[in-house]
Amino acid sequence: MDSGRALATGEQALRQLMSAAFPRALGAGWLESISKKEQREKWLSRRSDEEAKRGKKGVAAVPQDLLAYAEFYELVEIAEKHWTHLSGALGKKADTGALLRRMENLRNTVGHSRELLPFEADLLSGIAGELRNRVAVYMSSEDPSGDFYPRIESITDQFGKTTTGSTALDGGTCHTGMSLPFGTSVAYQCRATDPKGRPLQWELVVGLRTRQSVIGSDVELTWSCDDPGDVGDHVRVEFWLTSDGKYHRHRTYDDSAVFIYRITPPTG
């Protein structure tokens, strides 16, 4: 895993953990409980800047969760201060906390455009992998079947629209609200985990026809809406995740997700 991908997966795992663990422990006002007013104002300002640059121009969807705009060092500080609520996933503060601080230092190196030494890159990848695995195990523990079956962590299209798998609470379907012209090509970044470490197969299906199939936990899939059957006001782009195990959560597959678009017909 390259350094950029390692950082992204590590940070995403930590944010995902906080967004799941803190509401359970602290209730609806969890964000106010873990952050200061000036921090939230700063994050809100960053979100507003992002919306001005990207959202209003229709370039990409902008995350609404304020925690998405926290710097990594802020996430580490929050984790250290409220470790009790995260320890179910992160374990002992003396151990995993040191890894988070090391990851923060390596992130600063990458952020200042300095090359990591080979052993540093390996270390960063290893820390991110352990963090992601810890969070995946914790999230699976909230799912009675999580010890057996893989799950979709996230799928994000090139416009920034995102969803989790159908096994997650309120997950599985993304009503994008987007209208795309016939012939548009859409790329998706897909991420999944499996408690057994098995090879995972993704299928991208539109109109009951598989358009692309790849194997891996972190993959990119692409759909080109260039078939006459792709036109419509409620076009479903479906993603099916399957392990190579003998048994599956839903007979023939383990998790799924759907993106819904409006596809306009070609002119002329």
Protein backbone atom coordinates (compact mmCIF):
# COMPACT_ATOMS: atom_id res chain seq x y z
CA MET A 1 0.00 0.00 0.00
CA ASP A 2 1.45 3.38 -0.99
CA SER A 3 1.88 6.10 1.63
CA GLY A 4 -1.04 8.20 0.45
CA ARG A 5 -3.45 5.27 0.49
CA ALA A 6 -2.17 4.14 3.90
CA LEU A 7 -2.78 7.57 5.39
CA ALA A 8 -6.26 7.79 3.88
CA THR A 9 -7.33 4.35 5.12
CA GLY A 10 -5.89 4.96 8.60
CA GLU A 11 -7.60 8.32 9.01
CA GLN A 12 -10.88 7.01 7.64
CA ALA A 13 -10.79 4.08 10.05
CA LEU A 14 -10.24 6.39 13.04
CA ARG A 15 -13.07 8.71 11.97
CA GLN A 16 -15.36 5.75 11.37
CA LEU A 17 -14.61 4.41 14.84
CA MET A 18 -15.28 7.75 16.50
CA SER A 19 -18.52 8.27 14.60
CA ALA A 20 -19.72 4.86 15.80
CA ALA A 21 -18.35 4.66 19.35
CA PHE A 22 -18.87 8.19 20.65
CA PRO A 23 -22.64 8.41 19.93
CA ARG A 24 -23.16 5.11 21.74
CA ALA A 25 -21.19 6.28 24.77
CA LEU A 26 -22.06 9.98 24.90
CA GLY A 27 -25.42 10.32 23.18
CA ALA A 28 -26.69 12.86 20.67
CA GLY A 29 -24.40 15.67 21.86
CA TRP A 30 -21.25 13.59 21.45
CA LEU A 31 -19.49 16.04 19.13
CA GLU A 32 -19.84 18.86 21.68
CA SER A 33 -18.56 16.50 24.37
CA ILE A 34 -15.31 15.64 22.58
CA SER A 35 -14.44 18.99 20.99
CA LYS A 36 -14.10 22.65 21.84
CA LYS A 37 -16.29 25.39 20.42
CA GLU A 38 -13.37 26.96 18.55
CA GLN A 39 -12.55 23.61 16.99
CA ARG A 40 -16.08 23.13 15.72
CA GLU A 41 -16.12 26.67 14.35
CA LYS A 42 -12.86 25.95 12.52
CA TRP A 43 -14.24 22.71 11.08
CA LEU A 44 -17.44 24.46 10.05
CA SER A 45 -15.39 27.13 8.28
CA ARG A 46 -13.45 24.45 6.42
CA ARG A 47 -16.66 22.79 5.34
CA SER A 48 -18.06 26.12 4.13
CA ASP A 49 -14.86 26.76 2.15
CA GLU A 50 -15.11 23.28 0.64
CA GLU A 51 -18.74 23.83 -0.31
CA ALA A 52 -17.84 27.13 -1.96
CA LYS A 53 -15.03 25.53 -3.95
CA ARG A 54 -16.64 22.24 -4.90
CA GLY A 55 -20.22 21.72 -3.82
CA LYS A 56 -21.93 24.74 -5.37
CA LYS A 57 -20.19 24.19 -8.67
CA GLY A 58 -21.43 20.62 -8.81
CA VAL A 59 -17.89 19.23 -8.91
CA ALA A 60 -18.35 16.87 -5.97
CA ALA A 61 -20.46 16.22 -2.93
CA VAL A 62 -19.06 17.70 0.26
CA PRO A 63 -19.10 15.65 3.50
CA GLN A 64 -21.43 17.16 6.09
CA ASP A 65 -19.93 15.44 9.14
CA LEU A 66 -17.77 18.07 10.86
CA LEU A 67 -15.34 15.42 12.05
CA ALA A 68 -14.36 14.94 8.40
CA TYR A 69 -12.68 18.36 8.59
CA ALA A 70 -10.58 17.66 11.68
CA GLU A 71 -6.84 17.42 11.19
CA PHE A 72 -5.29 14.07 12.01
CA TYR A 73 -3.43 15.49 15.00
CA GLU A 74 -6.80 16.67 16.35
CA LEU A 75 -8.20 13.18 15.96
CA VAL A 76 -5.24 11.76 17.85
CA GLU A 77 -5.69 14.29 20.66
CA ILE A 78 -9.40 13.46 20.88
CA ALA A 79 -8.62 9.74 20.95
CA GLU A 80 -6.08 10.19 23.75
CA LYS A 81 -8.48 12.28 25.82
CA HIS A 82 -11.48 9.96 25.37
CA TRP A 83 -9.65 6.65 25.06
CA THR A 84 -12.06 4.82 27.35
CA HIS A 85 -14.81 5.01 24.74
CA LEU A 86 -12.49 3.75 21.98
CA SER A 87 -10.58 1.10 23.88
CA GLY A 88 -12.95 -1.63 22.75
CA ALA A 89 -11.41 -1.24 19.32
CA LEU A 90 -8.00 0.30 19.99
CA GLY A 91 -6.94 -1.69 23.03
CA LYS A 92 -4.37 -0.31 25.45
CA LYS A 93 -3.56 3.36 25.15
CA ALA A 94 0.11 2.77 25.86
CA ASP A 95 0.36 0.49 22.82
CA THR A 96 -2.00 1.78 20.14
CA GLY A 97 -1.68 5.39 21.26
CA ALA A 98 2.04 5.24 20.51
CA LEU A 99 1.27 3.90 17.03
CA LEU A 100 -1.14 6.78 16.39
CA ARG A 101 1.53 9.30 17.40
CA ARG A 102 4.05 7.59 15.12
CA MET A 103 1.56 7.69 12.29
CA GLU A 104 1.01 11.40 12.95
CA ASN A 105 4.76 12.06 12.70
CA LEU A 106 5.00 10.13 9.44
CA ARG A 107 1.97 12.01 8.13
CA ASN A 108 3.77 15.30 8.74
CA THR A 109 6.70 14.05 6.69
CA VAL A 110 4.42 13.17 3.77
CA GLY A 111 2.45 16.41 4.20
CA HIS A 112 5.63 18.46 3.76
CA SER A 113 6.46 16.64 0.51
CA ARG A 114 9.39 14.76 2.01
CA GLU A 115 9.97 11.21 0.89
CA LEU A 116 9.62 8.47 3.46
CA LEU A 117 12.46 6.02 3.83
CA PRO A 118 11.50 2.49 2.77
CA PHE A 119 11.20 1.24 6.35
CA GLU A 120 9.08 4.29 7.25
CA ALA A 121 6.71 3.59 4.36
CA ASP A 122 6.42 -0.03 5.50
CA LEU A 123 5.80 1.13 9.07
CA LEU A 124 3.10 3.57 7.97
CA SER A 125 1.39 0.86 5.93
CA GLY A 126 1.57 -1.54 8.87
CA ILE A 127 0.13 0.94 11.37
CA ALA A 128 -2.69 1.87 9.01
CA GLY A 129 -3.41 -1.81 8.41
CA GLU A 130 -3.55 -2.59 12.12
CA LEU A 131 -5.76 0.41 12.82
CA ARG A 132 -8.12 -0.52 10.05
CA ASN A 133 -8.23 -4.14 11.20
CA ARG A 134 -8.96 -3.15 14.80
CA VAL A 135 -11.83 -0.92 13.71
CA ALA A 136 -13.17 -3.60 11.36
CA VAL A 137 -13.19 -6.16 14.18
CA TYR A 138 -14.94 -3.69 16.49
CA MET A 139 -17.56 -2.79 13.90
CA SER A 140 -18.12 -6.48 13.20
CA SER A 141 -18.71 -7.08 16.90
CA GLU A 142 -21.77 -4.82 16.60
CA ASP A 143 -23.07 -7.18 13.92
CA PRO A 144 -24.09 -10.67 15.17
CA SER A 145 -22.79 -12.18 11.92
CA GLY A 146 -19.74 -9.95 11.67
CA ASP A 147 -17.32 -12.68 12.71
CA PHE A 148 -18.21 -14.76 9.67
CA TYR A 149 -18.97 -12.58 6.67
CA PRO A 150 -17.22 -9.72 4.85
CA ARG A 151 -18.78 -6.28 4.66
CA ILE A 152 -18.54 -3.21 2.49
CA GLU A 153 -16.84 -0.40 4.40
CA SER A 154 -17.45 2.31 1.83
CA ILE A 155 -18.08 3.00 -1.84
CA THR A 156 -17.52 6.52 -3.15
CA ASP A 157 -18.25 7.67 -6.68
CA GLN A 158 -16.15 10.27 -8.47
CA PHE A 159 -18.65 12.97 -7.49
CA GLY A 160 -18.09 12.33 -3.79
CA LYS A 161 -21.36 10.49 -3.21
CA THR A 162 -20.80 7.66 -0.77
CA THR A 163 -22.49 4.81 1.06
CA THR A 164 -21.66 1.83 3.22
CA GLY A 165 -22.90 -1.70 2.70
CA SER A 166 -26.44 -2.87 3.35
CA THR A 167 -25.30 -4.64 6.54
CA ALA A 168 -24.60 -1.25 8.17
CA LEU A 169 -27.31 0.72 9.94
CA ASP A 170 -28.93 3.12 7.46
CA GLY A 171 -26.47 1.96 4.81
CA GLY A 172 -26.68 0.31 1.45
CA THR A 173 -28.42 2.81 -0.80
CA CYS A 174 -27.22 6.19 -2.02
CA HIS A 175 -29.90 8.33 -3.68
CA THR A 176 -27.43 10.60 -5.43
CA GLY A 177 -29.98 13.10 -6.74
CA MET A 178 -27.74 13.47 -9.78
CA SER A 179 -28.72 13.66 -13.43
CA LEU A 180 -26.07 12.35 -15.81
CA PRO A 181 -26.05 12.48 -19.61
CA PHE A 182 -26.03 9.24 -21.56
CA GLY A 183 -22.47 8.06 -22.16
CA THR A 184 -21.05 9.32 -18.86
CA SER A 185 -18.35 7.16 -17.29
CA VAL A 186 -18.40 6.96 -13.47
CA ALA A 187 -15.53 5.62 -11.33
CA TYR A 188 -16.06 4.16 -7.87
CA GLN A 189 -13.55 3.65 -5.07
CA CYS A 190 -14.61 0.54 -3.17
CA ARG A 191 -13.35 -0.74 0.18
CA ALA A 192 -14.30 -3.88 2.09
CA THR A 193 -13.02 -6.07 4.92
CA ASP A 194 -13.35 -9.73 5.78
CA PRO A 195 -12.81 -11.18 9.28
CA LYS A 196 -11.34 -14.32 7.73
CA GLY A 197 -8.98 -12.55 5.35
CA ARG A 198 -10.42 -14.30 2.29
CA PRO A 199 -10.23 -13.03 -1.31
CA LEU A 200 -13.21 -10.80 -2.07
CA GLN A 201 -15.00 -10.44 -5.39
CA TRP A 202 -16.86 -7.31 -6.44
CA GLU A 203 -19.48 -7.17 -9.16
CA LEU A 204 -20.92 -3.98 -10.62
CA VAL A 205 -24.39 -4.76 -11.98
CA VAL A 206 -26.76 -2.53 -13.96
CA GLY A 207 -30.01 -3.80 -15.42
CA LEU A 208 -29.34 -7.35 -14.19
CA ARG A 209 -26.15 -7.45 -16.24
CA THR A 210 -22.66 -7.58 -14.75
CA ARG A 211 -20.62 -4.72 -16.20
CA GLN A 212 -17.38 -5.30 -14.30
CA SER A 213 -15.98 -7.85 -11.86
CA VAL A 214 -12.74 -7.55 -9.88
CA ILE A 215 -11.08 -9.23 -6.90
CA GLY A 216 -9.59 -7.36 -3.94
CA SER A 217 -10.44 -5.53 -0.73
CA ASP A 218 -9.61 -2.04 -2.10
CA VAL A 219 -10.59 -1.71 -5.76
CA GLU A 220 -11.78 0.75 -8.38
CA LEU A 221 -14.79 -0.09 -10.52
CA THR A 222 -16.06 1.88 -13.51
CA TRP A 223 -19.46 2.06 -15.13
CA SER A 224 -20.13 3.65 -18.50
CA CYS A 225 -23.83 4.36 -19.04
CA ASP A 226 -23.69 3.70 -22.77
CA ASP A 227 -26.37 1.01 -23.07
CA PRO A 228 -29.89 2.08 -24.15
CA GLY A 229 -31.22 0.21 -21.11
CA ASP A 230 -29.22 2.53 -18.84
CA VAL A 231 -31.51 5.48 -19.57
CA GLY A 232 -34.17 6.33 -17.00
CA ASP A 233 -35.16 8.40 -13.99
CA HIS A 234 -34.27 5.71 -11.45
CA VAL A 235 -31.21 3.82 -12.67
CA ARG A 236 -29.71 1.47 -10.09
CA VAL A 237 -25.98 0.79 -10.11
CA GLU A 238 -25.59 -2.23 -7.85
CA PHE A 239 -22.49 -3.56 -6.12
CA TRP A 240 -22.28 -7.15 -4.89
CA LEU A 241 -19.54 -8.34 -2.55
CA THR A 242 -18.79 -12.06 -2.17
CA SER A 243 -16.06 -14.00 -0.40
CA ASP A 244 -14.69 -17.27 -1.77
CA GLY A 245 -16.10 -19.10 1.27
CA LYS A 246 -18.64 -21.90 1.04
CA TYR A 247 -21.28 -20.03 3.02
CA HIS A 248 -22.65 -16.53 2.50
CA ARG A 249 -24.76 -14.08 4.46
CA HIS A 250 -27.41 -13.93 1.72
CA ARG A 251 -27.12 -17.35 0.04
CA THR A 252 -25.04 -16.20 -2.95
CA TYR A 253 -23.46 -12.94 -1.71
CA ASP A 254 -22.33 -11.28 1.52
CA ASP A 255 -23.00 -7.56 1.21
CA SER A 256 -24.36 -5.08 -1.31
CA ALA A 257 -24.80 -1.40 -2.07
CA VAL A 258 -26.72 0.67 -4.60
CA PHE A 259 -26.24 4.07 -6.23
CA ILE A 260 -29.26 5.63 -7.93
CA TYR A 261 -28.99 8.19 -10.76
CA ARG A 262 -31.14 9.82 -13.39
CA ILE A 263 -29.67 9.13 -16.84
CA THR A 264 -30.91 11.42 -19.62
CA PRO A 265 -31.20 10.08 -23.18
CA PRO A 266 -28.79 11.15 -25.90
CA THR A 267 -29.76 14.16 -27.99
CA GLY A 268 -30.23 14.10 -31.69
